[in-house]
Every structure is written in structure tokens, then in C-alpha cells.
Amino acid sequence: MSDDKLVVLQGLEDYIVAESDNVLLICKKSEEQRIKHFVTDVKFRYGDEYV
């Protein structure tokens, strides 16, 4: 997480938590293959601003 954010997560077992400049992704590990679909959808909707 970035230095200017405080994030408190509790009770998230078997989840992937990832952050980049302006995106926070929380996804079940069992569904990690869907991340590619999320990226494709975000690119389609918003261009490269968030990817």
C-alpha cells in the first residue's frame, strides 16, 4: 500500500490484495484467473488510465 493510505483488512482469508497507483484490487485467490478479465474490462471502459 502507498505511504499516504491506511488500510485495515480483517477476515480476508485466501484473498489477493494488490495496489498500484490509483487502483486497489481485492480478489479471491480461487478466482485469480478473473483478474485478466477485470483488466480487459477496465481498459475497455477507461482506456489505459487505470491499467
PDB file of N, CA and C in Angstrom:
ATOM      1  N   MET A   1       0.838  -1.166   0.000  1.00  0.00           N
ATOM      2  CA  MET A   1       0.000   0.000   0.000  1.00  0.00           C
ATOM      3  C   MET A   1       0.890   1.239   0.000  1.00  0.00           C
ATOM      4  N   SER A   2       0.351   2.294  -0.514  1.00  0.00           N
ATOM      5  CA  SER A   2       1.151   3.520  -0.566  1.00  0.00           C
ATOM      6  C   SER A   2       1.317   4.106   0.830  1.00  0.00           C
ATOM      7  N   ASP A   3       2.314   4.945   0.972  1.00  0.00           N
ATOM      8  CA  ASP A   3       2.635   5.513   2.283  1.00  0.00           C
ATOM      9  C   ASP A   3       1.576   6.476   2.800  1.00  0.00           C
ATOM     10  N   ASP A   4       0.748   7.038   1.917  1.00  0.00           N
ATOM     11  CA  ASP A   4      -0.229   8.030   2.359  1.00  0.00           C
ATOM     12  C   ASP A   4      -1.613   7.442   2.623  1.00  0.00           C
ATOM     13  N   LYS A   5      -1.731   6.106   2.626  1.00  0.00           N
ATOM     14  CA  LYS A   5      -3.012   5.454   2.892  1.00  0.00           C
ATOM     15  C   LYS A   5      -2.884   4.520   4.078  1.00  0.00           C
ATOM     16  N   LEU A   6      -3.916   4.487   4.856  1.00  0.00           N
ATOM     17  CA  LEU A   6      -4.035   3.483   5.907  1.00  0.00           C
ATOM     18  C   LEU A   6      -5.119   2.517   5.458  1.00  0.00           C
ATOM     19  N   VAL A   7      -4.794   1.258   5.403  1.00  0.00           N
ATOM     20  CA  VAL A   7      -5.761   0.243   5.008  1.00  0.00           C
ATOM     21  C   VAL A   7      -5.821  -0.793   6.117  1.00  0.00           C
ATOM     22  N   VAL A   8      -7.021  -1.097   6.550  1.00  0.00           N
ATOM     23  CA  VAL A   8      -7.222  -2.118   7.572  1.00  0.00           C
ATOM     24  C   VAL A   8      -8.107  -3.199   6.953  1.00  0.00           C
ATOM     25  N   LEU A   9      -7.582  -4.403   6.884  1.00  0.00           N
ATOM     26  CA  LEU A   9      -8.329  -5.529   6.341  1.00  0.00           C
ATOM     27  C   LEU A   9      -8.399  -6.601   7.413  1.00  0.00           C
ATOM     28  N   GLN A  10      -9.573  -7.132   7.629  1.00  0.00           N
ATOM     29  CA  GLN A  10      -9.742  -8.167   8.643  1.00  0.00           C
ATOM     30  C   GLN A  10     -10.639  -9.239   8.066  1.00  0.00           C
ATOM     31  N   GLY A  11     -10.297 -10.469   8.301  1.00  0.00           N
ATOM     32  CA  GLY A  11     -11.159 -11.567   7.895  1.00  0.00           C
ATOM     33  C   GLY A  11     -11.078 -11.932   6.423  1.00  0.00           C
ATOM     34  N   LEU A  12     -10.042 -11.493   5.747  1.00  0.00           N
ATOM     35  CA  LEU A  12      -9.899 -11.837   4.335  1.00  0.00           C
ATOM     36  C   LEU A  12      -8.898 -12.978   4.198  1.00  0.00           C
ATOM     37  N   GLU A  13      -9.381 -14.182   4.299  1.00  0.00           N
ATOM     38  CA  GLU A  13      -8.521 -15.343   4.120  1.00  0.00           C
ATOM     39  C   GLU A  13      -8.602 -15.785   2.669  1.00  0.00           C
ATOM     40  N   ASP A  14      -7.468 -16.126   2.109  1.00  0.00           N
ATOM     41  CA  ASP A  14      -7.384 -16.600   0.730  1.00  0.00           C
ATOM     42  C   ASP A  14      -7.839 -15.550  -0.282  1.00  0.00           C
ATOM     43  N   TYR A  15      -7.461 -14.319  -0.044  1.00  0.00           N
ATOM     44  CA  TYR A  15      -7.716 -13.227  -0.981  1.00  0.00           C
ATOM     45  C   TYR A  15      -6.394 -12.638  -1.441  1.00  0.00           C
ATOM     46  N   ILE A  16      -6.389 -12.121  -2.644  1.00  0.00           N
ATOM     47  CA  ILE A  16      -5.259 -11.362  -3.168  1.00  0.00           C
ATOM     48  C   ILE A  16      -5.584  -9.894  -2.956  1.00  0.00           C
ATOM     49  N   VAL A  17      -4.666  -9.166  -2.359  1.00  0.00           N
ATOM     50  CA  VAL A  17      -4.821  -7.722  -2.184  1.00  0.00           C
ATOM     51  C   VAL A  17      -3.638  -7.077  -2.880  1.00  0.00           C
ATOM     52  N   ALA A  18      -3.924  -6.274  -3.911  1.00  0.00           N
ATOM     53  CA  ALA A  18      -2.861  -5.635  -4.686  1.00  0.00           C
ATOM     54  C   ALA A  18      -3.237  -4.185  -4.934  1.00  0.00           C
ATOM     55  N   GLU A  19      -2.214  -3.336  -4.952  1.00  0.00           N
ATOM     56  CA  GLU A  19      -2.442  -1.913  -5.181  1.00  0.00           C
ATOM     57  C   GLU A  19      -1.432  -1.405  -6.187  1.00  0.00           C
ATOM     58  N   SER A  20      -1.896  -0.537  -7.067  1.00  0.00           N
ATOM     59  CA  SER A  20      -0.998   0.218  -7.936  1.00  0.00           C
ATOM     60  C   SER A  20      -1.357   1.686  -7.742  1.00  0.00           C
ATOM     61  N   ASP A  21      -0.857   2.552  -8.573  1.00  0.00           N
ATOM     62  CA  ASP A  21      -1.008   3.997  -8.372  1.00  0.00           C
ATOM     63  C   ASP A  21      -2.396   4.418  -7.885  1.00  0.00           C
ATOM     64  N   ASN A  22      -3.439   4.099  -8.631  1.00  0.00           N
ATOM     65  CA  ASN A  22      -4.772   4.564  -8.252  1.00  0.00           C
ATOM     66  C   ASN A  22      -5.816   3.445  -8.279  1.00  0.00           C
ATOM     67  N   VAL A  23      -5.362   2.216  -8.101  1.00  0.00           N
ATOM     68  CA  VAL A  23      -6.276   1.074  -8.121  1.00  0.00           C
ATOM     69  C   VAL A  23      -5.970   0.151  -6.946  1.00  0.00           C
ATOM     70  N   LEU A  24      -7.007  -0.272  -6.262  1.00  0.00           N
ATOM     71  CA  LEU A  24      -6.895  -1.283  -5.214  1.00  0.00           C
ATOM     72  C   LEU A  24      -7.713  -2.483  -5.671  1.00  0.00           C
ATOM     73  N   LEU A  25      -7.085  -3.645  -5.741  1.00  0.00           N
ATOM     74  CA  LEU A  25      -7.742  -4.867  -6.179  1.00  0.00           C
ATOM     75  C   LEU A  25      -7.797  -5.839  -5.014  1.00  0.00           C
ATOM     76  N   ILE A  26      -8.989  -6.348  -4.742  1.00  0.00           N
ATOM     77  CA  ILE A  26      -9.177  -7.391  -3.737  1.00  0.00           C
ATOM     78  C   ILE A  26      -9.960  -8.497  -4.433  1.00  0.00           C
ATOM     79  N   CYS A  27      -9.348  -9.665  -4.536  1.00  0.00           N
ATOM     80  CA  CYS A  27      -9.925 -10.751  -5.328  1.00  0.00           C
ATOM     81  C   CYS A  27      -9.671 -12.078  -4.625  1.00  0.00           C
ATOM     82  N   LYS A  28     -10.642 -12.976  -4.661  1.00  0.00           N
ATOM     83  CA  LYS A  28     -10.450 -14.309  -4.095  1.00  0.00           C
ATOM     84  C   LYS A  28      -9.346 -15.031  -4.854  1.00  0.00           C
ATOM     85  N   LYS A  29      -8.457 -15.686  -4.127  1.00  0.00           N
ATOM     86  CA  LYS A  29      -7.386 -16.449  -4.775  1.00  0.00           C
ATOM     87  C   LYS A  29      -7.954 -17.513  -5.700  1.00  0.00           C
ATOM     88  N   SER A  30      -9.064 -18.090  -5.322  1.00  0.00           N
ATOM     89  CA  SER A  30      -9.671 -19.142  -6.138  1.00  0.00           C
ATOM     90  C   SER A  30     -10.207 -18.608  -7.466  1.00  0.00           C
ATOM     91  N   GLU A  31     -10.332 -17.286  -7.587  1.00  0.00           N
ATOM     92  CA  GLU A  31     -10.833 -16.669  -8.815  1.00  0.00           C
ATOM     93  C   GLU A  31      -9.792 -15.761  -9.460  1.00  0.00           C
ATOM     94  N   GLU A  32      -8.512 -16.007  -9.176  1.00  0.00           N
ATOM     95  CA  GLU A  32      -7.465 -15.122  -9.672  1.00  0.00           C
ATOM     96  C   GLU A  32      -7.405 -15.073 -11.193  1.00  0.00           C
ATOM     97  N   GLN A  33      -7.885 -16.109 -11.884  1.00  0.00           N
ATOM     98  CA  GLN A  33      -7.897 -16.088 -13.337  1.00  0.00           C
ATOM     99  C   GLN A  33      -8.812 -14.989 -13.877  1.00  0.00           C
ATOM    100  N   ARG A  34      -9.738 -14.509 -13.076  1.00  0.00           N
ATOM    101  CA  ARG A  34     -10.647 -13.435 -13.495  1.00  0.00           C
ATOM    102  C   ARG A  34      -9.953 -12.081 -13.548  1.00  0.00           C
ATOM    103  N   ILE A  35      -8.768 -11.964 -12.959  1.00  0.00           N
ATOM    104  CA  ILE A  35      -8.052 -10.687 -12.966  1.00  0.00           C
ATOM    105  C   ILE A  35      -7.817 -10.228 -14.400  1.00  0.00           C
ATOM    106  N   LYS A  36      -7.487 -11.141 -15.294  1.00  0.00           N
ATOM    107  CA  LYS A  36      -7.295 -10.779 -16.707  1.00  0.00           C
ATOM    108  C   LYS A  36      -8.567 -10.168 -17.283  1.00  0.00           C
ATOM    109  N   HIS A  37      -9.715 -10.718 -16.919  1.00  0.00           N
ATOM    110  CA  HIS A  37     -10.981 -10.165 -17.400  1.00  0.00           C
ATOM    111  C   HIS A  37     -11.219  -8.774 -16.823  1.00  0.00           C
ATOM    112  N   PHE A  38     -10.877  -8.589 -15.552  1.00  0.00           N
ATOM    113  CA  PHE A  38     -11.022  -7.266 -14.936  1.00  0.00           C
ATOM    114  C   PHE A  38     -10.175  -6.243 -15.676  1.00  0.00           C
ATOM    115  N   VAL A  39      -8.927  -6.612 -15.978  1.00  0.00           N
ATOM    116  CA  VAL A  39      -8.013  -5.698 -16.669  1.00  0.00           C
ATOM    117  C   VAL A  39      -8.557  -5.352 -18.050  1.00  0.00           C
ATOM    118  N   THR A  40      -9.030  -6.344 -18.776  1.00  0.00           N
ATOM    119  CA  THR A  40      -9.593  -6.109 -20.105  1.00  0.00           C
ATOM    120  C   THR A  40     -10.802  -5.192 -20.026  1.00  0.00           C
ATOM    121  N   ASP A  41     -11.668  -5.421 -19.067  1.00  0.00           N
ATOM    122  CA  ASP A  41     -12.870  -4.605 -18.899  1.00  0.00           C
ATOM    123  C   ASP A  41     -12.514  -3.165 -18.541  1.00  0.00           C
ATOM    124  N   VAL A  42     -11.563  -2.982 -17.648  1.00  0.00           N
ATOM    125  CA  VAL A  42     -11.149  -1.635 -17.253  1.00  0.00           C
ATOM    126  C   VAL A  42     -10.534  -0.900 -18.441  1.00  0.00           C
ATOM    127  N   LYS A  43      -9.697  -1.578 -19.218  1.00  0.00           N
ATOM    128  CA  LYS A  43      -9.105  -0.950 -20.410  1.00  0.00           C
ATOM    129  C   LYS A  43     -10.191  -0.519 -21.384  1.00  0.00           C
ATOM    130  N   PHE A  44     -11.191  -1.368 -21.579  1.00  0.00           N
ATOM    131  CA  PHE A  44     -12.287  -1.058 -22.491  1.00  0.00           C
ATOM    132  C   PHE A  44     -13.078   0.158 -22.014  1.00  0.00           C
ATOM    133  N   ARG A  45     -13.356   0.222 -20.723  1.00  0.00           N
ATOM    134  CA  ARG A  45     -14.186   1.301 -20.177  1.00  0.00           C
ATOM    135  C   ARG A  45     -13.431   2.606 -19.968  1.00  0.00           C
ATOM    136  N   TYR A  46     -12.164   2.514 -19.554  1.00  0.00           N
ATOM    137  CA  TYR A  46     -11.438   3.710 -19.127  1.00  0.00           C
ATOM    138  C   TYR A  46     -10.137   3.960 -19.885  1.00  0.00           C
ATOM    139  N   GLY A  47      -9.811   3.122 -20.843  1.00  0.00           N
ATOM    140  CA  GLY A  47      -8.532   3.257 -21.535  1.00  0.00           C
ATOM    141  C   GLY A  47      -7.402   2.801 -20.627  1.00  0.00           C
ATOM    142  N   ASP A  48      -6.231   3.378 -20.842  1.00  0.00           N
ATOM    143  CA  ASP A  48      -5.055   2.959 -20.077  1.00  0.00           C
ATOM    144  C   ASP A  48      -4.866   3.737 -18.780  1.00  0.00           C
ATOM    145  N   GLU A  49      -5.822   4.559 -18.411  1.00  0.00           N
ATOM    146  CA  GLU A  49      -5.686   5.404 -17.218  1.00  0.00           C
ATOM    147  C   GLU A  49      -5.448   4.592 -15.944  1.00  0.00           C
ATOM    148  N   TYR A  50      -6.090   3.445 -15.829  1.00  0.00           N
ATOM    149  CA  TYR A  50      -6.003   2.663 -14.591  1.00  0.00           C
ATOM    150  C   TYR A  50      -5.209   1.371 -14.738  1.00  0.00           C
ATOM    151  N   VAL A  51      -4.716   1.103 -15.916  1.00  0.00           N
ATOM    152  CA  VAL A  51      -4.014  -0.165 -16.152  1.00  0.00           C
ATOM    153  C   VAL A  51      -2.555   0.095 -16.419  1.00  0.00           C
TER     154      VAL A  51
END
